[in-house]
N, C-alpha and C. Protein backbone atom coordinates (compact mmCIF):
# COMPACT_ATOMS: atom_id res chain seq x y z
N MET A 1 104.40 -56.04 -174.16
CA MET A 1 105.54 -56.15 -173.89
C MET A 1 106.32 -56.97 -175.09
N VAL A 2 105.65 -57.84 -175.59
CA VAL A 2 106.20 -58.44 -176.91
C VAL A 2 106.07 -57.66 -178.28
N ARG A 3 105.03 -56.85 -178.17
CA ARG A 3 104.89 -55.83 -179.19
C ARG A 3 105.88 -54.75 -179.44
N THR A 4 106.49 -54.31 -178.15
CA THR A 4 107.62 -53.37 -177.95
C THR A 4 108.93 -54.06 -178.46
N THR A 5 108.96 -55.50 -178.11
CA THR A 5 110.36 -55.93 -178.49
C THR A 5 110.37 -56.04 -179.80
N LEU A 6 109.09 -56.42 -180.59
CA LEU A 6 108.96 -56.46 -181.95
C LEU A 6 109.39 -55.41 -182.87
N ALA A 7 109.13 -53.93 -182.19
CA ALA A 7 109.44 -52.92 -182.73
C ALA A 7 110.81 -52.67 -182.94
N ASN A 8 111.72 -53.36 -182.07
CA ASN A 8 113.45 -52.96 -181.81
C ASN A 8 113.79 -54.27 -183.05
N THR A 9 113.04 -55.14 -183.68
CA THR A 9 113.60 -56.21 -184.59
C THR A 9 113.64 -55.81 -185.82
N ASP A 10 114.61 -56.06 -186.53
CA ASP A 10 114.56 -55.63 -188.11
C ASP A 10 113.97 -56.65 -188.96
N ASN A 11 113.78 -57.78 -188.58
CA ASN A 11 113.15 -58.89 -189.28
C ASN A 11 111.64 -58.98 -189.14
N SER A 12 111.13 -58.51 -190.22
CA SER A 12 109.70 -58.36 -190.49
C SER A 12 109.11 -59.77 -190.38
N SER A 13 109.64 -60.82 -191.21
CA SER A 13 109.28 -62.08 -191.12
C SER A 13 108.98 -62.61 -189.68
N THR A 14 110.19 -62.33 -188.87
CA THR A 14 110.09 -62.88 -187.45
C THR A 14 108.72 -62.18 -186.67
N ALA A 15 108.81 -60.92 -186.99
CA ALA A 15 107.65 -60.00 -186.45
C ALA A 15 106.32 -60.64 -186.81
N GLN A 16 106.15 -60.94 -188.01
CA GLN A 16 104.90 -61.65 -188.35
C GLN A 16 104.84 -62.91 -187.76
N ALA A 17 105.64 -63.73 -187.72
CA ALA A 17 105.49 -65.09 -187.04
C ALA A 17 105.15 -64.82 -185.60
N ILE A 18 105.73 -63.96 -184.78
CA ILE A 18 105.46 -63.52 -183.39
C ILE A 18 103.90 -63.27 -183.37
N ASN A 19 103.50 -62.30 -184.05
CA ASN A 19 102.08 -61.93 -184.23
C ASN A 19 101.23 -63.11 -184.37
N VAL A 20 101.34 -64.08 -185.39
CA VAL A 20 100.57 -65.02 -185.62
C VAL A 20 100.47 -66.09 -184.48
N VAL A 21 101.59 -66.38 -183.82
CA VAL A 21 101.68 -67.08 -182.57
C VAL A 21 100.88 -66.29 -181.47
N GLN A 22 100.86 -65.26 -181.48
CA GLN A 22 100.32 -64.41 -180.44
C GLN A 22 98.85 -64.55 -180.43
N GLU A 23 98.41 -64.53 -181.71
CA GLU A 23 96.95 -64.88 -182.03
C GLU A 23 96.47 -66.15 -181.47
N ILE A 24 97.32 -67.06 -182.03
CA ILE A 24 96.87 -68.47 -181.55
C ILE A 24 97.01 -68.47 -180.07
N THR A 25 97.89 -68.01 -179.25
CA THR A 25 98.05 -68.07 -178.11
C THR A 25 96.54 -67.54 -177.27
N LYS A 26 95.99 -66.65 -177.97
CA LYS A 26 94.64 -66.14 -177.47
C LYS A 26 93.60 -67.33 -177.29
N LEU A 27 93.58 -68.28 -178.20
CA LEU A 27 92.51 -69.27 -178.17
C LEU A 27 92.71 -70.20 -176.76
N LYS A 28 94.01 -70.09 -175.99
CA LYS A 28 93.96 -70.75 -174.72
C LYS A 28 92.99 -70.09 -173.72
N ALA A 29 92.85 -68.71 -173.91
CA ALA A 29 92.07 -67.80 -172.96
C ALA A 29 90.42 -67.99 -173.47
N HIS A 30 90.09 -68.66 -174.38
CA HIS A 30 88.50 -68.93 -174.81
C HIS A 30 88.25 -69.85 -173.87
N PRO A 31 87.02 -69.82 -173.08
CA PRO A 31 86.48 -70.61 -172.31
C PRO A 31 85.98 -71.91 -172.76
N ALA A 32 85.99 -72.15 -173.99
CA ALA A 32 85.71 -73.61 -174.61
C ALA A 32 87.14 -74.25 -174.95
N TRP A 33 88.22 -73.65 -174.83
CA TRP A 33 89.44 -74.14 -175.24
C TRP A 33 89.62 -75.42 -174.48
N SER A 34 89.42 -75.35 -173.10
CA SER A 34 89.79 -76.62 -172.20
C SER A 34 88.64 -77.62 -172.40
N ILE A 35 87.50 -77.49 -172.80
CA ILE A 35 86.52 -78.53 -173.13
C ILE A 35 86.88 -79.06 -174.37
N LEU A 36 87.11 -78.24 -175.45
CA LEU A 36 87.54 -78.96 -176.79
C LEU A 36 88.93 -79.84 -176.60
N SER A 37 89.80 -79.28 -175.85
CA SER A 37 91.12 -80.01 -175.78
C SER A 37 90.83 -81.34 -174.92
N ALA A 38 89.87 -81.23 -173.72
CA ALA A 38 89.79 -82.59 -172.93
C ALA A 38 88.81 -83.43 -173.86
N ASP A 39 87.93 -82.93 -174.61
CA ASP A 39 86.92 -83.82 -175.36
C ASP A 39 87.71 -84.51 -176.58
N ILE A 40 88.61 -83.90 -177.16
CA ILE A 40 89.55 -84.56 -178.16
C ILE A 40 90.42 -85.56 -177.63
N ASN A 41 91.20 -85.17 -176.32
CA ASN A 41 91.92 -86.34 -175.73
C ASN A 41 91.03 -87.64 -175.32
N SER A 42 89.80 -87.38 -174.89
CA SER A 42 89.00 -88.13 -174.34
C SER A 42 88.64 -89.43 -175.34
N ARG A 43 88.37 -88.57 -176.65
CA ARG A 43 87.65 -89.45 -177.84
C ARG A 43 89.06 -90.14 -178.24
N LYS A 44 90.39 -89.59 -178.29
CA LYS A 44 91.29 -90.22 -178.90
C LYS A 44 91.57 -91.56 -177.99
N ASN A 45 91.71 -91.36 -176.62
CA ASN A 45 91.80 -92.34 -175.58
C ASN A 45 90.87 -93.42 -175.83
N ASN A 46 89.51 -93.11 -176.03
CA ASN A 46 88.58 -94.14 -176.00
C ASN A 46 88.59 -95.05 -177.35
N TRP A 47 89.14 -94.23 -178.37
CA TRP A 47 89.11 -94.99 -179.61
C TRP A 47 90.39 -95.88 -179.65
N SER A 48 91.59 -95.38 -178.90
CA SER A 48 92.65 -96.44 -178.97
C SER A 48 92.43 -97.36 -178.05
N SER A 49 91.58 -97.24 -176.98
CA SER A 49 91.36 -98.38 -175.98
C SER A 49 90.36 -99.38 -176.67
N ASN A 50 89.37 -98.89 -177.55
CA ASN A 50 88.47 -99.80 -178.34
C ASN A 50 89.26 -100.64 -179.43
N LEU A 51 90.11 -99.92 -180.13
CA LEU A 51 91.04 -100.30 -181.06
C LEU A 51 92.02 -101.44 -180.53
N THR A 52 92.58 -101.28 -179.42
CA THR A 52 93.32 -102.30 -178.80
C THR A 52 92.40 -103.43 -178.45
N LYS A 53 91.17 -103.38 -177.82
CA LYS A 53 90.45 -104.67 -177.48
C LYS A 53 90.09 -105.22 -178.62
N ARG A 54 89.71 -104.57 -179.81
CA ARG A 54 89.32 -105.35 -180.89
C ARG A 54 90.39 -106.14 -181.63
N LEU A 55 91.61 -105.49 -181.59
CA LEU A 55 92.71 -106.15 -182.08
C LEU A 55 93.09 -107.32 -181.21
N ILE A 56 93.24 -107.25 -179.82
CA ILE A 56 93.46 -108.39 -178.99
C ILE A 56 92.39 -109.65 -179.05
N SER A 57 91.08 -109.12 -179.46
CA SER A 57 90.18 -110.24 -179.42
C SER A 57 90.17 -110.87 -180.96
N GLY A 58 91.14 -110.73 -181.85
CA GLY A 58 91.36 -111.13 -183.01
C GLY A 58 90.43 -110.67 -184.12
N ASP A 59 89.61 -109.47 -183.68
CA ASP A 59 88.88 -108.69 -184.80
C ASP A 59 89.75 -108.31 -186.02
N VAL A 60 89.12 -108.58 -187.22
CA VAL A 60 89.79 -108.15 -188.44
C VAL A 60 89.40 -106.59 -188.60
N MET A 61 90.18 -105.78 -188.71
CA MET A 61 89.80 -104.28 -189.03
C MET A 61 90.57 -103.97 -190.19
N ASP A 62 89.87 -102.87 -190.95
CA ASP A 62 90.45 -102.43 -192.26
C ASP A 62 91.50 -101.42 -191.79
N GLN A 63 92.71 -101.59 -192.37
CA GLN A 63 93.76 -100.81 -192.04
C GLN A 63 93.75 -99.50 -192.52
N ARG A 64 93.07 -99.27 -193.54
CA ARG A 64 92.68 -97.81 -194.12
C ARG A 64 91.87 -97.06 -193.07
N GLU A 65 90.95 -97.75 -192.46
CA GLU A 65 90.17 -97.08 -191.45
C GLU A 65 90.99 -96.78 -190.26
N ILE A 66 91.91 -97.61 -190.01
CA ILE A 66 92.67 -97.38 -188.78
C ILE A 66 93.64 -96.14 -188.97
N ASP A 67 94.17 -96.24 -190.28
CA ASP A 67 95.12 -95.08 -190.62
C ASP A 67 94.34 -93.86 -190.53
N ARG A 68 93.02 -93.80 -191.26
CA ARG A 68 92.30 -92.70 -191.17
C ARG A 68 92.14 -92.00 -189.87
N LYS A 69 91.59 -92.84 -188.89
CA LYS A 69 91.30 -92.26 -187.60
C LYS A 69 92.49 -91.69 -186.85
N SER A 70 93.64 -92.67 -187.07
CA SER A 70 94.97 -92.29 -186.32
C SER A 70 95.41 -90.95 -187.00
N GLY A 71 95.21 -90.74 -188.38
CA GLY A 71 95.66 -89.59 -189.01
C GLY A 71 94.91 -88.32 -188.38
N PHE A 72 93.56 -88.60 -188.17
CA PHE A 72 92.56 -87.67 -187.74
C PHE A 72 92.99 -87.06 -186.20
N PHE A 73 92.88 -87.92 -185.49
CA PHE A 73 93.44 -87.74 -184.11
C PHE A 73 95.09 -87.13 -184.05
N ALA A 74 95.92 -87.50 -184.82
CA ALA A 74 97.18 -86.82 -184.91
C ALA A 74 97.04 -85.36 -185.46
N GLY A 75 96.10 -85.07 -186.34
CA GLY A 75 96.04 -83.71 -186.79
C GLY A 75 95.44 -82.85 -185.64
N CYS A 76 94.45 -83.39 -184.87
CA CYS A 76 93.67 -82.88 -183.76
C CYS A 76 94.87 -82.50 -182.80
N LEU A 77 95.60 -83.47 -182.25
CA LEU A 77 96.44 -83.13 -181.33
C LEU A 77 97.56 -82.31 -181.68
N PHE A 78 97.96 -82.24 -182.98
CA PHE A 78 98.80 -81.22 -183.50
C PHE A 78 98.46 -79.88 -183.06
N VAL A 79 97.05 -79.70 -183.61
CA VAL A 79 96.65 -78.14 -183.31
C VAL A 79 96.61 -77.91 -181.84
N ILE A 80 96.06 -78.78 -180.99
CA ILE A 80 96.14 -78.73 -179.77
C ILE A 80 97.31 -78.38 -178.99
N ASN A 81 98.57 -79.32 -179.46
CA ASN A 81 99.90 -79.11 -178.91
C ASN A 81 100.37 -77.70 -179.48
N MET A 82 100.07 -77.35 -180.68
CA MET A 82 100.59 -76.18 -181.06
C MET A 82 100.03 -74.85 -180.15
N VAL A 83 98.61 -74.80 -179.83
CA VAL A 83 98.02 -73.85 -178.87
C VAL A 83 98.91 -73.92 -177.67
N GLU A 84 98.67 -75.00 -177.12
CA GLU A 84 99.41 -75.36 -175.78
C GLU A 84 100.75 -74.72 -175.63
N GLY A 85 101.60 -75.01 -176.74
CA GLY A 85 102.99 -74.55 -176.66
C GLY A 85 103.20 -73.23 -177.46
N SER A 86 102.42 -72.45 -177.55
CA SER A 86 102.26 -71.29 -178.14
C SER A 86 103.31 -70.25 -177.51
N ASP A 87 103.35 -70.23 -176.06
CA ASP A 87 104.01 -69.20 -175.21
C ASP A 87 105.40 -69.59 -175.57
N LYS A 88 105.86 -70.86 -175.44
CA LYS A 88 107.22 -71.22 -175.72
C LYS A 88 107.61 -71.04 -176.93
N GLU A 89 106.54 -70.98 -178.05
CA GLU A 89 106.97 -70.48 -179.38
C GLU A 89 107.44 -69.12 -179.51
N ILE A 90 106.64 -68.24 -179.01
CA ILE A 90 107.00 -66.82 -178.82
C ILE A 90 108.33 -66.47 -178.26
N GLU A 91 108.53 -67.18 -177.24
CA GLU A 91 109.99 -67.02 -176.40
C GLU A 91 111.14 -67.49 -177.56
N ARG A 92 110.90 -68.53 -178.11
CA ARG A 92 111.91 -69.06 -179.21
C ARG A 92 112.06 -68.00 -180.20
N LEU A 93 111.16 -67.61 -180.98
CA LEU A 93 110.97 -66.77 -181.82
C LEU A 93 111.86 -65.12 -181.58
N LEU A 94 111.38 -64.90 -180.11
CA LEU A 94 111.92 -63.64 -179.53
C LEU A 94 113.74 -63.71 -179.49
N ARG A 95 113.91 -65.15 -178.97
CA ARG A 95 115.33 -65.39 -178.78
C ARG A 95 116.08 -65.31 -180.09
N GLU A 96 115.46 -65.75 -181.04
CA GLU A 96 116.13 -65.76 -182.38
C GLU A 96 116.22 -64.15 -182.83
N ALA A 97 115.16 -63.68 -182.58
CA ALA A 97 115.21 -62.24 -183.29
C ALA A 97 116.39 -61.37 -182.61
N THR A 98 116.40 -61.49 -181.36
CA THR A 98 117.37 -60.74 -180.47
C THR A 98 118.73 -61.22 -180.87
N LYS A 99 119.15 -62.54 -181.06
CA LYS A 99 120.26 -63.10 -181.43
C LYS A 99 120.56 -62.70 -182.74
N ASP A 100 119.68 -62.53 -183.74
CA ASP A 100 119.99 -62.03 -185.14
C ASP A 100 120.55 -60.54 -184.94
N ARG A 101 120.05 -59.89 -184.04
CA ARG A 101 120.38 -58.44 -183.92
C ARG A 101 122.02 -58.32 -183.42
N GLU A 102 122.37 -59.34 -182.75
CA GLU A 102 123.61 -59.16 -181.87
C GLU A 102 125.05 -59.35 -182.88
């Protein structure tokens, strides 16, 4: 259905973007996706909880290590959220492509 719609668009960069997002969407169908997503969320929550406990107890921690771990989990969650939101991204790109044609 989406590919038929793409054939009617004149914007090849939009068509390419939609094709990329369609490929990303396929990750959700993989059996390991839900396991990976849950594992990353669990690890982030455990790390945040341990960090909070250590800071409240007065433990001195290296700010660079906190920043590094925080950035690592932010990157992981960015990928997870991108895959989880890929259906909405396709819809947005299709709306833009049809709006450009009008």
